[in-house]
Amino acid sequence: MWLILAFMSAALLGCYDSFKKQALKSNAVIPVLFLNTLFSSLIFLPCIVLSGTSDVLDGTIFQTASGGWQMHKYIVLKSVIVLSSWILGYFAMKHLPLTIVGPINATRPVMVLVGALLVFGERLNLWQWIGVMLAVASFLMLSRSGKKEGIDFKHDHWIYMVVGSAALGAVSGLYDKYLMAPTESGGVGLDRMMVQSWYNIYQCLMMGAMLCLLWWPKHKDTTPFHWSWSIVGVSIFLSAADFMYFYSLSLPDAMISIVSMVRRGSVVVSFMFGAMFFHEKNLRAKVADLALVLLGMVCLYIGSH
């Protein structure tokens, strides 16, 4: 069941990336991101209110637990990590082709493994090493594809941003499993709905402060903001994708390494959107890059078993 939910989350995540690309087209990043967090908060706010004031949601998958600062401090940290990843990712998404951003984001499972290797001293098996090498090779090939579009991976700060976003996303994935793992297993044991509902609200408050302090005073001198209904689509698809993701992680025997790899399959959906709707260039070379990324994910999957 948790694996099926992970695949559903991947499909929704691909739609989320595609709507995000459309929402950011010639648009100011900070107000778009603020509205995304606002709409996501509004989606889950009824769950918080109804769970705290009535028994309507008792026993359902939408029931949201309550807790004090001892629990919420972990969610605030989650919000900071995710929002930092999103800020970098949104700016990169605005200025880079979707068919380049997607494959780079798909290397997050490799970053998780490399982080475990460097920080925790874990050892990778042969299949995992093959997966890492394929991901590195795909990144090098992607840099060659990017040069044909005037993107220099060594000196393009948008590339650094999307890599930083992917790295923070990998950190967030590991932290999610820690938050929802039972206390007897060394985790915090937080309710999944509590995490998803409140981290959106905390992000909205943070983005509201950034909007007022950083963007609004200079908004006349920067890229103007214009309304797009795709902004609503971003929030809907993201909320649905994260709901499936958190639900998957909350189930017994769910493996964060596998869930993370499956979620990166969203690159297939976003790649198709980039090709069909955004008419991006140099697709033949990028298909080869994408194939290497997916092959690397298969090797990681085999190695994880």
Protein backbone atom coordinates (compact mmCIF):
# COMPACT_ATOMS: atom_id res chain seq x y z
CA MET A 1 0.00 0.00 0.00
CA TRP A 2 2.78 2.45 0.92
CA LEU A 3 4.48 1.82 -2.43
CA ILE A 4 1.25 2.50 -4.37
CA LEU A 5 0.85 5.77 -2.47
CA ALA A 6 4.45 6.67 -3.34
CA PHE A 7 3.73 6.17 -7.06
CA MET A 8 0.56 8.29 -6.80
CA SER A 9 2.58 10.98 -5.05
CA ALA A 10 5.17 10.88 -7.86
CA ALA A 11 2.53 11.46 -10.56
CA LEU A 12 1.01 14.38 -8.63
CA LEU A 13 4.47 15.81 -7.97
CA GLY A 14 5.19 15.85 -11.70
CA CYS A 15 2.01 17.87 -12.26
CA TYR A 16 3.04 20.19 -9.41
CA ASP A 17 6.41 20.93 -11.04
CA SER A 18 4.71 21.62 -14.37
CA PHE A 19 2.13 24.01 -12.90
CA LYS A 20 4.90 25.70 -10.93
CA LYS A 21 6.85 26.35 -14.15
CA GLN A 22 3.74 27.93 -15.68
CA ALA A 23 2.97 30.01 -12.58
CA LEU A 24 6.50 31.45 -12.53
CA LYS A 25 6.52 32.43 -16.21
CA SER A 26 7.45 36.15 -16.28
CA ASN A 27 6.23 36.40 -12.70
CA ALA A 28 7.64 37.53 -9.34
CA VAL A 29 8.84 34.52 -7.33
CA ILE A 30 8.20 35.62 -3.73
CA PRO A 31 4.47 36.48 -4.06
CA VAL A 32 3.87 33.26 -6.06
CA LEU A 33 5.53 31.21 -3.32
CA PHE A 34 3.62 33.09 -0.62
CA LEU A 35 0.29 32.38 -2.33
CA ASN A 36 1.23 28.72 -2.76
CA THR A 37 1.87 28.39 0.98
CA LEU A 38 -1.30 30.37 1.75
CA PHE A 39 -3.57 28.18 -0.38
CA SER A 40 -1.92 25.01 0.96
CA SER A 41 -2.55 26.25 4.51
CA LEU A 42 -6.20 26.97 3.70
CA ILE A 43 -6.61 23.43 2.35
CA PHE A 44 -5.54 21.88 5.67
CA LEU A 45 -6.88 24.51 8.09
CA PRO A 46 -10.36 22.87 8.27
CA CYS A 47 -8.71 19.61 9.37
CA ILE A 48 -6.99 21.40 12.27
CA VAL A 49 -10.14 23.26 13.31
CA LEU A 50 -12.54 20.30 13.02
CA SER A 51 -10.14 17.93 14.79
CA GLY A 52 -9.71 20.38 17.66
CA THR A 53 -13.34 21.39 18.11
CA SER A 54 -15.39 18.32 17.17
CA ASP A 55 -15.27 14.58 16.61
CA VAL A 56 -16.26 14.77 12.91
CA LEU A 57 -12.86 13.59 11.70
CA ASP A 58 -12.18 11.09 14.50
CA GLY A 59 -10.95 7.81 13.10
CA THR A 60 -10.51 9.17 9.56
CA ILE A 61 -7.29 9.72 7.62
CA PHE A 62 -7.87 13.49 7.94
CA GLN A 63 -7.85 13.56 11.76
CA THR A 64 -5.14 15.97 12.93
CA ALA A 65 -3.48 15.56 16.31
CA SER A 66 -2.69 18.51 18.53
CA GLY A 67 0.40 19.15 20.63
CA GLY A 68 2.50 21.73 22.43
CA TRP A 69 5.80 23.41 21.67
CA GLN A 70 7.69 20.16 22.33
CA MET A 71 6.15 18.82 19.12
CA HIS A 72 5.79 22.03 17.13
CA LYS A 73 9.48 22.93 17.39
CA TYR A 74 10.27 19.94 15.19
CA ILE A 75 7.68 21.08 12.65
CA VAL A 76 9.10 24.63 12.62
CA LEU A 77 12.52 23.19 11.73
CA LYS A 78 10.86 21.11 9.00
CA SER A 79 9.29 24.32 7.65
CA VAL A 80 12.64 26.12 7.55
CA ILE A 81 14.31 23.26 5.66
CA VAL A 82 11.51 22.89 3.11
CA LEU A 83 11.03 26.63 2.59
CA SER A 84 14.78 27.09 2.01
CA SER A 85 14.63 24.32 -0.60
CA TRP A 86 11.57 25.87 -2.24
CA ILE A 87 13.03 29.37 -2.43
CA LEU A 88 16.11 28.07 -4.24
CA GLY A 89 14.02 25.73 -6.38
CA TYR A 90 11.46 28.36 -7.41
CA PHE A 91 14.10 30.83 -8.56
CA ALA A 92 15.91 28.09 -10.47
CA MET A 93 12.68 26.79 -12.01
CA LYS A 94 11.83 30.26 -13.31
CA HIS A 95 15.11 30.66 -15.17
CA LEU A 96 15.92 27.10 -16.29
CA PRO A 97 14.16 24.65 -18.66
CA LEU A 98 11.91 22.12 -16.93
CA THR A 99 13.71 19.35 -18.83
CA ILE A 100 16.94 20.29 -17.02
CA VAL A 101 15.53 21.01 -13.55
CA GLY A 102 13.61 17.70 -13.44
CA PRO A 103 16.57 15.36 -13.98
CA ILE A 104 18.71 17.30 -11.49
CA ASN A 105 15.96 17.03 -8.86
CA ALA A 106 15.76 13.31 -9.62
CA THR A 107 19.26 12.85 -8.17
CA ARG A 108 17.98 13.46 -4.60
CA PRO A 109 18.07 9.74 -3.64
CA VAL A 110 21.73 9.69 -4.63
CA MET A 111 22.36 12.70 -2.38
CA VAL A 112 20.68 10.82 0.48
CA LEU A 113 23.02 7.86 -0.02
CA VAL A 114 26.13 10.01 -0.33
CA GLY A 115 25.09 11.92 2.79
CA ALA A 116 24.69 8.67 4.68
CA LEU A 117 28.14 7.63 3.44
CA LEU A 118 29.87 10.85 4.52
CA VAL A 119 27.97 11.71 7.69
CA PHE A 120 27.01 8.34 9.13
CA GLY A 121 29.84 6.23 7.70
CA GLU A 122 27.46 3.84 5.98
CA ARG A 123 28.81 1.54 3.27
CA LEU A 124 27.25 1.31 -0.15
CA ASN A 125 26.87 -2.02 -1.90
CA LEU A 126 27.78 -2.63 -5.57
CA TRP A 127 24.32 -1.80 -6.95
CA GLN A 128 24.19 1.43 -4.98
CA TRP A 129 27.63 2.47 -6.23
CA ILE A 130 26.49 1.78 -9.81
CA GLY A 131 23.42 3.96 -9.17
CA VAL A 132 25.61 6.78 -7.85
CA MET A 133 27.98 6.56 -10.82
CA LEU A 134 25.08 6.61 -13.30
CA ALA A 135 23.65 9.69 -11.59
CA VAL A 136 27.04 11.45 -11.82
CA ALA A 137 27.32 10.46 -15.49
CA SER A 138 23.81 11.76 -16.20
CA PHE A 139 24.69 15.07 -14.52
CA LEU A 140 27.78 15.44 -16.72
CA MET A 141 25.73 14.61 -19.83
CA LEU A 142 23.06 17.08 -18.75
CA SER A 143 25.72 19.79 -18.47
CA ARG A 144 26.67 19.12 -22.10
CA SER A 145 23.02 19.37 -23.13
CA GLY A 146 22.72 22.61 -21.19
CA LYS A 147 25.67 24.18 -23.02
CA LYS A 148 23.70 23.90 -26.26
CA GLU A 149 21.12 26.20 -24.67
CA GLY A 150 23.70 28.62 -23.29
CA ILE A 151 23.68 27.17 -19.75
CA ASP A 152 27.13 26.70 -18.22
CA PHE A 153 26.81 24.34 -15.25
CA LYS A 154 30.11 25.53 -13.75
CA HIS A 155 29.23 29.22 -13.69
CA ASP A 156 25.44 29.40 -13.79
CA HIS A 157 24.12 30.39 -10.35
CA TRP A 158 20.65 29.05 -11.24
CA ILE A 159 22.21 25.59 -11.54
CA TYR A 160 23.77 26.00 -8.10
CA MET A 161 20.34 26.95 -6.79
CA VAL A 162 18.59 23.87 -8.16
CA VAL A 163 21.38 21.63 -6.82
CA GLY A 164 21.07 23.33 -3.42
CA SER A 165 17.30 22.87 -3.55
CA ALA A 166 17.72 19.16 -4.30
CA ALA A 167 20.22 18.74 -1.46
CA LEU A 168 17.88 20.41 1.06
CA GLY A 169 15.06 18.26 -0.29
CA ALA A 170 17.12 15.16 0.49
CA VAL A 171 17.70 16.45 4.04
CA SER A 172 13.96 17.05 4.39
CA GLY A 173 13.19 13.49 3.27
CA LEU A 174 15.45 11.98 5.93
CA TYR A 175 14.01 14.33 8.54
CA ASP A 176 10.43 13.32 7.62
CA LYS A 177 11.10 9.68 8.43
CA TYR A 178 12.67 10.73 11.75
CA LEU A 179 9.63 12.88 12.62
CA MET A 180 7.10 10.12 12.00
CA ALA A 181 9.06 7.10 13.15
CA PRO A 182 7.78 5.70 16.50
CA THR A 183 9.65 6.82 19.60
CA GLU A 184 10.64 3.21 20.34
CA SER A 185 12.42 3.21 16.96
CA GLY A 186 14.33 6.40 17.75
CA GLY A 187 11.93 8.82 16.04
CA VAL A 188 9.70 11.62 17.33
CA GLY A 189 6.43 9.83 16.60
CA LEU A 190 4.53 12.85 15.25
CA ASP A 191 1.13 12.53 13.60
CA ARG A 192 1.49 12.83 9.80
CA MET A 193 -1.48 15.18 9.42
CA MET A 194 -0.14 17.39 12.19
CA VAL A 195 3.19 17.68 10.35
CA GLN A 196 1.67 18.43 6.95
CA SER A 197 -0.98 20.85 8.22
CA TRP A 198 1.21 22.93 10.49
CA TYR A 199 4.36 23.04 8.38
CA ASN A 200 2.31 24.71 5.65
CA ILE A 201 1.00 27.28 8.10
CA TYR A 202 4.48 28.04 9.48
CA GLN A 203 5.80 28.41 5.93
CA CYS A 204 2.98 30.80 5.10
CA LEU A 205 3.88 32.99 8.07
CA MET A 206 7.56 32.98 7.08
CA MET A 207 6.75 33.83 3.47
CA GLY A 208 4.35 36.56 4.62
CA ALA A 209 7.22 38.19 6.52
CA MET A 210 9.50 37.92 3.46
CA LEU A 211 6.79 39.38 1.25
CA CYS A 212 6.33 42.42 3.51
CA LEU A 213 9.98 43.01 4.38
CA LEU A 214 11.87 42.05 1.23
CA TRP A 215 9.60 42.11 -1.81
CA TRP A 216 6.93 44.76 -1.25
CA PRO A 217 9.30 47.72 -0.54
CA LYS A 218 11.05 47.09 -3.90
CA HIS A 219 8.23 45.53 -5.91
CA LYS A 220 8.02 48.46 -8.33
CA ASP A 221 11.66 47.98 -9.31
CA THR A 222 11.59 44.20 -9.70
CA THR A 223 9.68 41.66 -11.80
CA PRO A 224 5.96 42.50 -11.47
CA PHE A 225 3.46 40.02 -10.09
CA HIS A 226 0.47 38.90 -12.14
CA TRP A 227 -2.29 36.50 -11.16
CA SER A 228 -2.43 33.06 -12.76
CA TRP A 229 -4.84 30.23 -11.97
CA SER A 230 -1.90 27.86 -12.26
CA ILE A 231 -0.85 29.18 -8.80
CA VAL A 232 -3.93 27.46 -7.35
CA GLY A 233 -3.02 24.31 -9.29
CA VAL A 234 0.43 24.33 -7.71
CA SER A 235 -1.06 24.28 -4.20
CA ILE A 236 -3.63 21.60 -5.01
CA PHE A 237 -1.19 19.19 -6.66
CA LEU A 238 1.50 19.78 -4.01
CA SER A 239 -0.94 19.24 -1.13
CA ALA A 240 -2.25 16.03 -2.70
CA ALA A 241 1.27 14.78 -3.47
CA ASP A 242 2.48 15.49 0.07
CA PHE A 243 -0.65 13.91 1.57
CA MET A 244 0.10 10.65 -0.30
CA TYR A 245 3.76 10.94 0.69
CA PHE A 246 3.19 11.46 4.41
CA TYR A 247 0.50 8.78 4.45
CA SER A 248 2.95 6.38 2.81
CA LEU A 249 5.68 7.10 5.37
CA SER A 250 3.26 6.63 8.27
CA LEU A 251 2.47 3.04 7.26
CA PRO A 252 4.38 0.11 8.83
CA ASP A 253 7.51 -1.07 6.97
CA ALA A 254 7.59 2.03 4.71
CA MET A 255 11.17 2.63 3.52
CA ILE A 256 12.18 6.26 3.05
CA SER A 257 14.91 5.26 0.57
CA ILE A 258 12.38 3.52 -1.70
CA VAL A 259 9.69 6.18 -1.28
CA SER A 260 12.22 8.90 -2.12
CA MET A 261 13.33 7.07 -5.26
CA VAL A 262 9.78 6.43 -6.44
CA ARG A 263 8.84 10.08 -5.84
CA ARG A 264 11.67 11.16 -8.12
CA GLY A 265 9.85 9.29 -10.89
CA SER A 266 7.87 12.54 -11.12
CA VAL A 267 10.60 13.66 -13.52
CA VAL A 268 8.93 11.59 -16.25
CA VAL A 269 5.68 13.58 -15.92
CA SER A 270 7.40 16.98 -15.75
CA PHE A 271 9.67 16.04 -18.68
CA MET A 272 6.61 15.24 -20.80
CA PHE A 273 5.02 18.57 -19.85
CA GLY A 274 8.25 20.38 -20.76
CA ALA A 275 8.30 18.70 -24.16
CA MET A 276 4.61 18.99 -25.06
CA PHE A 277 3.45 22.26 -23.50
CA PHE A 278 6.60 24.37 -23.04
CA HIS A 279 8.20 23.19 -26.32
CA GLU A 280 11.66 23.02 -24.78
CA LYS A 281 14.71 22.34 -26.95
CA ASN A 282 17.36 19.66 -27.37
CA LEU A 283 15.02 16.89 -26.22
CA ARG A 284 16.82 13.97 -27.84
CA ALA A 285 19.98 14.49 -25.80
CA LYS A 286 17.97 15.15 -22.65
CA VAL A 287 16.02 11.89 -23.10
CA ALA A 288 19.35 10.03 -22.90
CA ASP A 289 20.21 11.97 -19.72
CA LEU A 290 16.81 11.13 -18.25
CA ALA A 291 17.23 7.45 -19.12
CA LEU A 292 20.52 7.35 -17.20
CA VAL A 293 18.86 8.97 -14.17
CA LEU A 294 16.02 6.42 -14.22
CA LEU A 295 18.46 3.53 -14.70
CA GLY A 296 20.43 4.80 -11.71
CA MET A 297 17.22 4.85 -9.64
CA VAL A 298 16.54 1.23 -10.63
CA CYS A 299 20.04 0.26 -9.48
CA LEU A 300 19.48 2.06 -6.16
CA TYR A 301 16.17 0.23 -5.78
CA ILE A 302 17.88 -3.15 -6.33
CA GLY A 303 20.71 -2.18 -3.99
CA SER A 304 18.28 -1.16 -1.25
CA HIS A 305 16.86 -4.68 -1.25
